[in-house]
Amino acid sequence: MNLPNKLTVLRILLVPFFVLFLLVNTIPYNYLWALLVFAIASITDCLDGHIARKYNLITNFGKFLDPLADKVLVLAAMIAFIELGLSSSVVVIVVIAREFLVTSLRLVAASDGTVIAASIYGKIKTITQMVAIVGILLLKTIEQFVSLSVNIDLISNVLMWITAVIAVISGIDYLWKNRHCVNTTK
């Protein structure tokens, strides 16, 4: 297994630790630990793609696992945010529906030998989600150290709705650009 794929696997392995720190408030400074683990996992996302492209280490395994690792990490955060009151369940359902749509489209295309690469909108969606999650975790971390006069729940929910809108735009873009893959007569 090459280095980019190892980094992708590491990102998936970090998810349970991230969720543990995020949801177990008896762990001292749990939001700080969750933020650090999420940041490390997010950095592996940048690194694995960069290394794979720079050293021509792109594999089918990586093409499959990298977007899956992103989805697992981001959706774990969003689902946990529901429990913490930091996101609406509607937002998470919209994002999950988009992920099912794009993944299904990729599977249909793959059955015909076509690989649908990540679009610029898909990359923007992932970056936006990760930045929003880091921002929310940063606010929650600061709140553990000092009293804040801002409504973190409101800010968090607004950020999550923004990510949902971008996810929908990205999903529409994927569907439109790859509509030829959807043949209702087959």
C-alpha atoms as a PDB file:
ATOM      1  CA  MET A   1       0.000   0.000   0.000  1.00  0.00           C
ATOM      2  CA  ASN A   2       1.455   3.358  -1.009  1.00  0.00           C
ATOM      3  CA  LEU A   3       1.722   6.441   1.227  1.00  0.00           C
ATOM      4  CA  PRO A   4      -1.364   8.293  -0.080  1.00  0.00           C
ATOM      5  CA  ASN A   5      -3.526   5.222   0.542  1.00  0.00           C
ATOM      6  CA  LYS A   6      -2.039   4.822   4.032  1.00  0.00           C
ATOM      7  CA  LEU A   7      -2.955   8.438   4.782  1.00  0.00           C
ATOM      8  CA  THR A   8      -6.493   7.797   3.574  1.00  0.00           C
ATOM      9  CA  VAL A   9      -6.792   4.717   5.803  1.00  0.00           C
ATOM     10  CA  LEU A  10      -5.408   6.763   8.702  1.00  0.00           C
ATOM     11  CA  ARG A  11      -8.167   9.342   8.134  1.00  0.00           C
ATOM     12  CA  ILE A  12     -10.797   6.623   8.495  1.00  0.00           C
ATOM     13  CA  LEU A  13      -9.104   5.211  11.608  1.00  0.00           C
ATOM     14  CA  LEU A  14      -9.117   8.666  13.227  1.00  0.00           C
ATOM     15  CA  VAL A  15     -12.919   8.977  12.968  1.00  0.00           C
ATOM     16  CA  PRO A  16     -13.799   6.931  16.096  1.00  0.00           C
ATOM     17  CA  PHE A  17     -11.304   8.951  18.156  1.00  0.00           C
ATOM     18  CA  PHE A  18     -12.753  12.187  16.800  1.00  0.00           C
ATOM     19  CA  VAL A  19     -16.297  11.129  17.694  1.00  0.00           C
ATOM     20  CA  LEU A  20     -15.192   9.954  21.138  1.00  0.00           C
ATOM     21  CA  PHE A  21     -13.605  13.315  21.950  1.00  0.00           C
ATOM     22  CA  LEU A  22     -16.511  15.236  20.445  1.00  0.00           C
ATOM     23  CA  LEU A  23     -19.291  13.472  22.328  1.00  0.00           C
ATOM     24  CA  VAL A  24     -17.727  12.502  25.661  1.00  0.00           C
ATOM     25  CA  ASN A  25     -17.807  15.752  27.615  1.00  0.00           C
ATOM     26  CA  THR A  26     -16.217  14.147  30.686  1.00  0.00           C
ATOM     27  CA  ILE A  27     -12.893  14.128  28.831  1.00  0.00           C
ATOM     28  CA  PRO A  28     -11.091  17.347  29.826  1.00  0.00           C
ATOM     29  CA  TYR A  29     -11.006  19.801  26.917  1.00  0.00           C
ATOM     30  CA  ASN A  30     -12.859  17.318  24.732  1.00  0.00           C
ATOM     31  CA  TYR A  31     -13.540  19.906  22.014  1.00  0.00           C
ATOM     32  CA  LEU A  32      -9.857  20.778  21.793  1.00  0.00           C
ATOM     33  CA  TRP A  33      -8.972  17.105  21.321  1.00  0.00           C
ATOM     34  CA  ALA A  34     -11.780  16.668  18.786  1.00  0.00           C
ATOM     35  CA  LEU A  35     -10.544  19.744  16.913  1.00  0.00           C
ATOM     36  CA  LEU A  36      -6.971  18.443  16.822  1.00  0.00           C
ATOM     37  CA  VAL A  37      -7.999  14.991  15.592  1.00  0.00           C
ATOM     38  CA  PHE A  38     -10.319  16.480  12.959  1.00  0.00           C
ATOM     39  CA  ALA A  39      -7.597  18.886  11.807  1.00  0.00           C
ATOM     40  CA  ILE A  40      -5.069  16.053  11.489  1.00  0.00           C
ATOM     41  CA  ALA A  41      -7.593  13.970   9.555  1.00  0.00           C
ATOM     42  CA  SER A  42      -8.369  16.924   7.273  1.00  0.00           C
ATOM     43  CA  ILE A  43      -4.676  17.512   6.627  1.00  0.00           C
ATOM     44  CA  THR A  44      -4.295  13.876   5.539  1.00  0.00           C
ATOM     45  CA  ASP A  45      -6.960  14.619   2.916  1.00  0.00           C
ATOM     46  CA  CYS A  46      -4.831  17.405   1.448  1.00  0.00           C
ATOM     47  CA  LEU A  47      -1.632  15.408   1.692  1.00  0.00           C
ATOM     48  CA  ASP A  48      -2.809  12.137   0.167  1.00  0.00           C
ATOM     49  CA  GLY A  49      -4.072  13.787  -3.012  1.00  0.00           C
ATOM     50  CA  HIS A  50      -1.035  16.015  -3.353  1.00  0.00           C
ATOM     51  CA  ILE A  51       1.412  13.151  -2.868  1.00  0.00           C
ATOM     52  CA  ALA A  52      -0.541  10.838  -5.183  1.00  0.00           C
ATOM     53  CA  ARG A  53      -0.544  13.392  -8.009  1.00  0.00           C
ATOM     54  CA  LYS A  54       3.042  14.602  -7.497  1.00  0.00           C
ATOM     55  CA  TYR A  55       4.586  11.124  -7.450  1.00  0.00           C
ATOM     56  CA  ASN A  56       2.093   9.467  -9.798  1.00  0.00           C
ATOM     57  CA  LEU A  57       0.791   7.160  -7.063  1.00  0.00           C
ATOM     58  CA  ILE A  58      -2.852   7.360  -8.101  1.00  0.00           C
ATOM     59  CA  THR A  59      -4.568   3.987  -7.696  1.00  0.00           C
ATOM     60  CA  ASN A  60      -8.104   2.723  -8.190  1.00  0.00           C
ATOM     61  CA  PHE A  61      -8.117   1.866  -4.487  1.00  0.00           C
ATOM     62  CA  GLY A  62      -7.285   5.496  -3.676  1.00  0.00           C
ATOM     63  CA  LYS A  63      -9.889   6.824  -6.123  1.00  0.00           C
ATOM     64  CA  PHE A  64     -12.485   4.740  -4.318  1.00  0.00           C
ATOM     65  CA  LEU A  65     -11.334   5.128  -0.713  1.00  0.00           C
ATOM     66  CA  ASP A  66     -10.381   8.828  -0.622  1.00  0.00           C
ATOM     67  CA  PRO A  67     -13.889  10.219  -1.217  1.00  0.00           C
ATOM     68  CA  LEU A  68     -15.313   7.550   1.087  1.00  0.00           C
ATOM     69  CA  ALA A  69     -12.930   8.617   3.866  1.00  0.00           C
ATOM     70  CA  ASP A  70     -13.994  12.249   3.381  1.00  0.00           C
ATOM     71  CA  LYS A  71     -17.656  11.271   3.645  1.00  0.00           C
ATOM     72  CA  VAL A  72     -17.114   9.168   6.774  1.00  0.00           C
ATOM     73  CA  LEU A  73     -15.197  11.970   8.517  1.00  0.00           C
ATOM     74  CA  VAL A  74     -17.552  14.811   7.594  1.00  0.00           C
ATOM     75  CA  LEU A  75     -20.777  12.881   8.142  1.00  0.00           C
ATOM     76  CA  ALA A  76     -19.555  11.614  11.525  1.00  0.00           C
ATOM     77  CA  ALA A  77     -19.047  15.236  12.565  1.00  0.00           C
ATOM     78  CA  MET A  78     -22.412  16.349  11.219  1.00  0.00           C
ATOM     79  CA  ILE A  79     -24.313  13.492  12.846  1.00  0.00           C
ATOM     80  CA  ALA A  80     -22.589  14.191  16.173  1.00  0.00           C
ATOM     81  CA  PHE A  81     -23.435  17.888  15.742  1.00  0.00           C
ATOM     82  CA  ILE A  82     -27.137  16.956  15.688  1.00  0.00           C
ATOM     83  CA  GLU A  83     -26.771  15.373  19.116  1.00  0.00           C
ATOM     84  CA  LEU A  84     -24.943  18.465  20.362  1.00  0.00           C
ATOM     85  CA  GLY A  85     -27.552  20.867  18.951  1.00  0.00           C
ATOM     86  CA  LEU A  86     -25.034  22.306  16.504  1.00  0.00           C
ATOM     87  CA  SER A  87     -26.792  21.196  13.318  1.00  0.00           C
ATOM     88  CA  SER A  88     -30.282  20.574  12.083  1.00  0.00           C
ATOM     89  CA  SER A  89     -31.088  16.981  11.163  1.00  0.00           C
ATOM     90  CA  VAL A  90     -32.530  18.341   7.900  1.00  0.00           C
ATOM     91  CA  VAL A  91     -29.081  19.639   6.935  1.00  0.00           C
ATOM     92  CA  VAL A  92     -27.514  16.261   7.557  1.00  0.00           C
ATOM     93  CA  ILE A  93     -30.259  14.447   5.629  1.00  0.00           C
ATOM     94  CA  VAL A  94     -29.732  16.792   2.650  1.00  0.00           C
ATOM     95  CA  VAL A  95     -25.968  16.196   2.723  1.00  0.00           C
ATOM     96  CA  ILE A  96     -26.387  12.420   3.065  1.00  0.00           C
ATOM     97  CA  ALA A  97     -28.907  12.382   0.200  1.00  0.00           C
ATOM     98  CA  ARG A  98     -26.409  14.260  -1.985  1.00  0.00           C
ATOM     99  CA  GLU A  99     -23.693  11.770  -1.075  1.00  0.00           C
ATOM    100  CA  PHE A 100     -25.951   8.824  -1.984  1.00  0.00           C
ATOM    101  CA  LEU A 101     -26.855  10.497  -5.281  1.00  0.00           C
ATOM    102  CA  VAL A 102     -23.259  11.171  -6.315  1.00  0.00           C
ATOM    103  CA  THR A 103     -22.006   7.770  -5.105  1.00  0.00           C
ATOM    104  CA  SER A 104     -24.810   6.005  -6.977  1.00  0.00           C
ATOM    105  CA  LEU A 105     -24.008   7.980 -10.106  1.00  0.00           C
ATOM    106  CA  ARG A 106     -20.344   6.999  -9.782  1.00  0.00           C
ATOM    107  CA  LEU A 107     -21.287   3.321  -9.361  1.00  0.00           C
ATOM    108  CA  VAL A 108     -23.511   3.387 -12.445  1.00  0.00           C
ATOM    109  CA  ALA A 109     -20.746   5.064 -14.449  1.00  0.00           C
ATOM    110  CA  ALA A 110     -18.172   2.572 -13.133  1.00  0.00           C
ATOM    111  CA  SER A 111     -20.346  -0.321 -14.325  1.00  0.00           C
ATOM    112  CA  ASP A 112     -19.817   1.052 -17.838  1.00  0.00           C
ATOM    113  CA  GLY A 113     -16.076   1.517 -17.267  1.00  0.00           C
ATOM    114  CA  THR A 114     -16.285   5.272 -16.656  1.00  0.00           C
ATOM    115  CA  VAL A 115     -14.628   6.933 -13.671  1.00  0.00           C
ATOM    116  CA  ILE A 116     -16.228  10.173 -12.517  1.00  0.00           C
ATOM    117  CA  ALA A 117     -13.514  12.295 -10.985  1.00  0.00           C
ATOM    118  CA  ALA A 118     -14.174  14.884  -8.317  1.00  0.00           C
ATOM    119  CA  SER A 119     -15.385  18.153  -9.805  1.00  0.00           C
ATOM    120  CA  ILE A 120     -14.352  21.600  -8.645  1.00  0.00           C
ATOM    121  CA  TYR A 121     -17.753  21.912  -6.939  1.00  0.00           C
ATOM    122  CA  GLY A 122     -17.207  18.618  -5.142  1.00  0.00           C
ATOM    123  CA  LYS A 123     -13.848  19.861  -3.906  1.00  0.00           C
ATOM    124  CA  ILE A 124     -15.358  23.178  -2.823  1.00  0.00           C
ATOM    125  CA  LYS A 125     -18.086  21.257  -0.995  1.00  0.00           C
ATOM    126  CA  THR A 126     -15.546  19.155   0.897  1.00  0.00           C
ATOM    127  CA  ILE A 127     -13.374  22.146   1.775  1.00  0.00           C
ATOM    128  CA  THR A 128     -16.398  24.178   2.889  1.00  0.00           C
ATOM    129  CA  GLN A 129     -17.629  21.354   5.094  1.00  0.00           C
ATOM    130  CA  MET A 130     -14.223  20.830   6.690  1.00  0.00           C
ATOM    131  CA  VAL A 131     -13.674  24.561   7.259  1.00  0.00           C
ATOM    132  CA  ALA A 132     -17.155  24.924   8.793  1.00  0.00           C
ATOM    133  CA  ILE A 133     -16.576  21.955  11.097  1.00  0.00           C
ATOM    134  CA  VAL A 134     -13.159  23.266  12.148  1.00  0.00           C
ATOM    135  CA  GLY A 135     -14.674  26.708  12.775  1.00  0.00           C
ATOM    136  CA  ILE A 136     -17.449  25.265  14.927  1.00  0.00           C
ATOM    137  CA  LEU A 137     -15.010  23.104  16.871  1.00  0.00           C
ATOM    138  CA  LEU A 138     -12.746  26.108  17.353  1.00  0.00           C
ATOM    139  CA  LEU A 139     -15.630  28.144  18.801  1.00  0.00           C
ATOM    140  CA  LYS A 140     -16.593  25.278  21.118  1.00  0.00           C
ATOM    141  CA  THR A 141     -12.946  24.935  22.184  1.00  0.00           C
ATOM    142  CA  ILE A 142     -12.628  28.640  22.945  1.00  0.00           C
ATOM    143  CA  GLU A 143     -15.891  28.454  24.885  1.00  0.00           C
ATOM    144  CA  GLN A 144     -14.328  25.806  27.142  1.00  0.00           C
ATOM    145  CA  PHE A 145     -11.638  28.308  28.138  1.00  0.00           C
ATOM    146  CA  VAL A 146     -13.469  31.658  28.174  1.00  0.00           C
ATOM    147  CA  SER A 147     -17.044  32.856  28.159  1.00  0.00           C
ATOM    148  CA  LEU A 148     -18.180  33.914  24.683  1.00  0.00           C
ATOM    149  CA  SER A 149     -20.920  36.421  24.018  1.00  0.00           C
ATOM    150  CA  VAL A 150     -21.942  34.831  20.725  1.00  0.00           C
ATOM    151  CA  ASN A 151     -24.595  32.223  20.062  1.00  0.00           C
ATOM    152  CA  ILE A 152     -22.448  29.292  18.932  1.00  0.00           C
ATOM    153  CA  ASP A 153     -25.489  27.100  18.234  1.00  0.00           C
ATOM    154  CA  LEU A 154     -26.873  29.731  15.823  1.00  0.00           C
ATOM    155  CA  ILE A 155     -23.516  30.269  14.109  1.00  0.00           C
ATOM    156  CA  SER A 156     -23.049  26.522  13.802  1.00  0.00           C
ATOM    157  CA  ASN A 157     -26.485  25.988  12.302  1.00  0.00           C
ATOM    158  CA  VAL A 158     -25.945  28.794   9.769  1.00  0.00           C
ATOM    159  CA  LEU A 159     -22.582  27.303   8.755  1.00  0.00           C
ATOM    160  CA  MET A 160     -24.147  23.854   8.400  1.00  0.00           C
ATOM    161  CA  TRP A 161     -26.951  25.249   6.199  1.00  0.00           C
ATOM    162  CA  ILE A 162     -24.342  26.917   3.989  1.00  0.00           C
ATOM    163  CA  THR A 163     -22.575  23.566   3.575  1.00  0.00           C
ATOM    164  CA  ALA A 164     -25.908  21.935   2.706  1.00  0.00           C
ATOM    165  CA  VAL A 165     -26.605  24.501  -0.023  1.00  0.00           C
ATOM    166  CA  ILE A 166     -23.131  23.996  -1.490  1.00  0.00           C
ATOM    167  CA  ALA A 167     -23.635  20.213  -1.305  1.00  0.00           C
ATOM    168  CA  VAL A 168     -26.888  20.535  -3.281  1.00  0.00           C
ATOM    169  CA  ILE A 169     -25.205  22.739  -5.916  1.00  0.00           C
ATOM    170  CA  SER A 170     -22.380  20.211  -6.179  1.00  0.00           C
ATOM    171  CA  GLY A 171     -24.840  17.313  -6.491  1.00  0.00           C
ATOM    172  CA  ILE A 172     -26.765  19.071  -9.257  1.00  0.00           C
ATOM    173  CA  ASP A 173     -23.483  19.774 -11.063  1.00  0.00           C
ATOM    174  CA  TYR A 174     -22.459  16.085 -10.893  1.00  0.00           C
ATOM    175  CA  LEU A 175     -25.868  14.950 -12.079  1.00  0.00           C
ATOM    176  CA  TRP A 176     -26.025  17.443 -14.941  1.00  0.00           C
ATOM    177  CA  LYS A 177     -22.487  16.799 -16.208  1.00  0.00           C
ATOM    178  CA  ASN A 178     -22.961  13.028 -16.030  1.00  0.00           C
ATOM    179  CA  ARG A 179     -26.620  12.740 -17.052  1.00  0.00           C
ATOM    180  CA  HIS A 180     -25.545  10.580 -19.987  1.00  0.00           C
ATOM    181  CA  CYS A 181     -24.682   7.869 -17.424  1.00  0.00           C
ATOM    182  CA  VAL A 182     -28.304   7.702 -16.326  1.00  0.00           C
ATOM    183  CA  ASN A 183     -30.120   5.600 -18.876  1.00  0.00           C
ATOM    184  CA  THR A 184     -33.618   4.724 -17.717  1.00  0.00           C
ATOM    185  CA  THR A 185     -34.066   2.141 -20.493  1.00  0.00           C
ATOM    186  CA  LYS A 186     -31.337  -0.188 -19.208  1.00  0.00           C
END
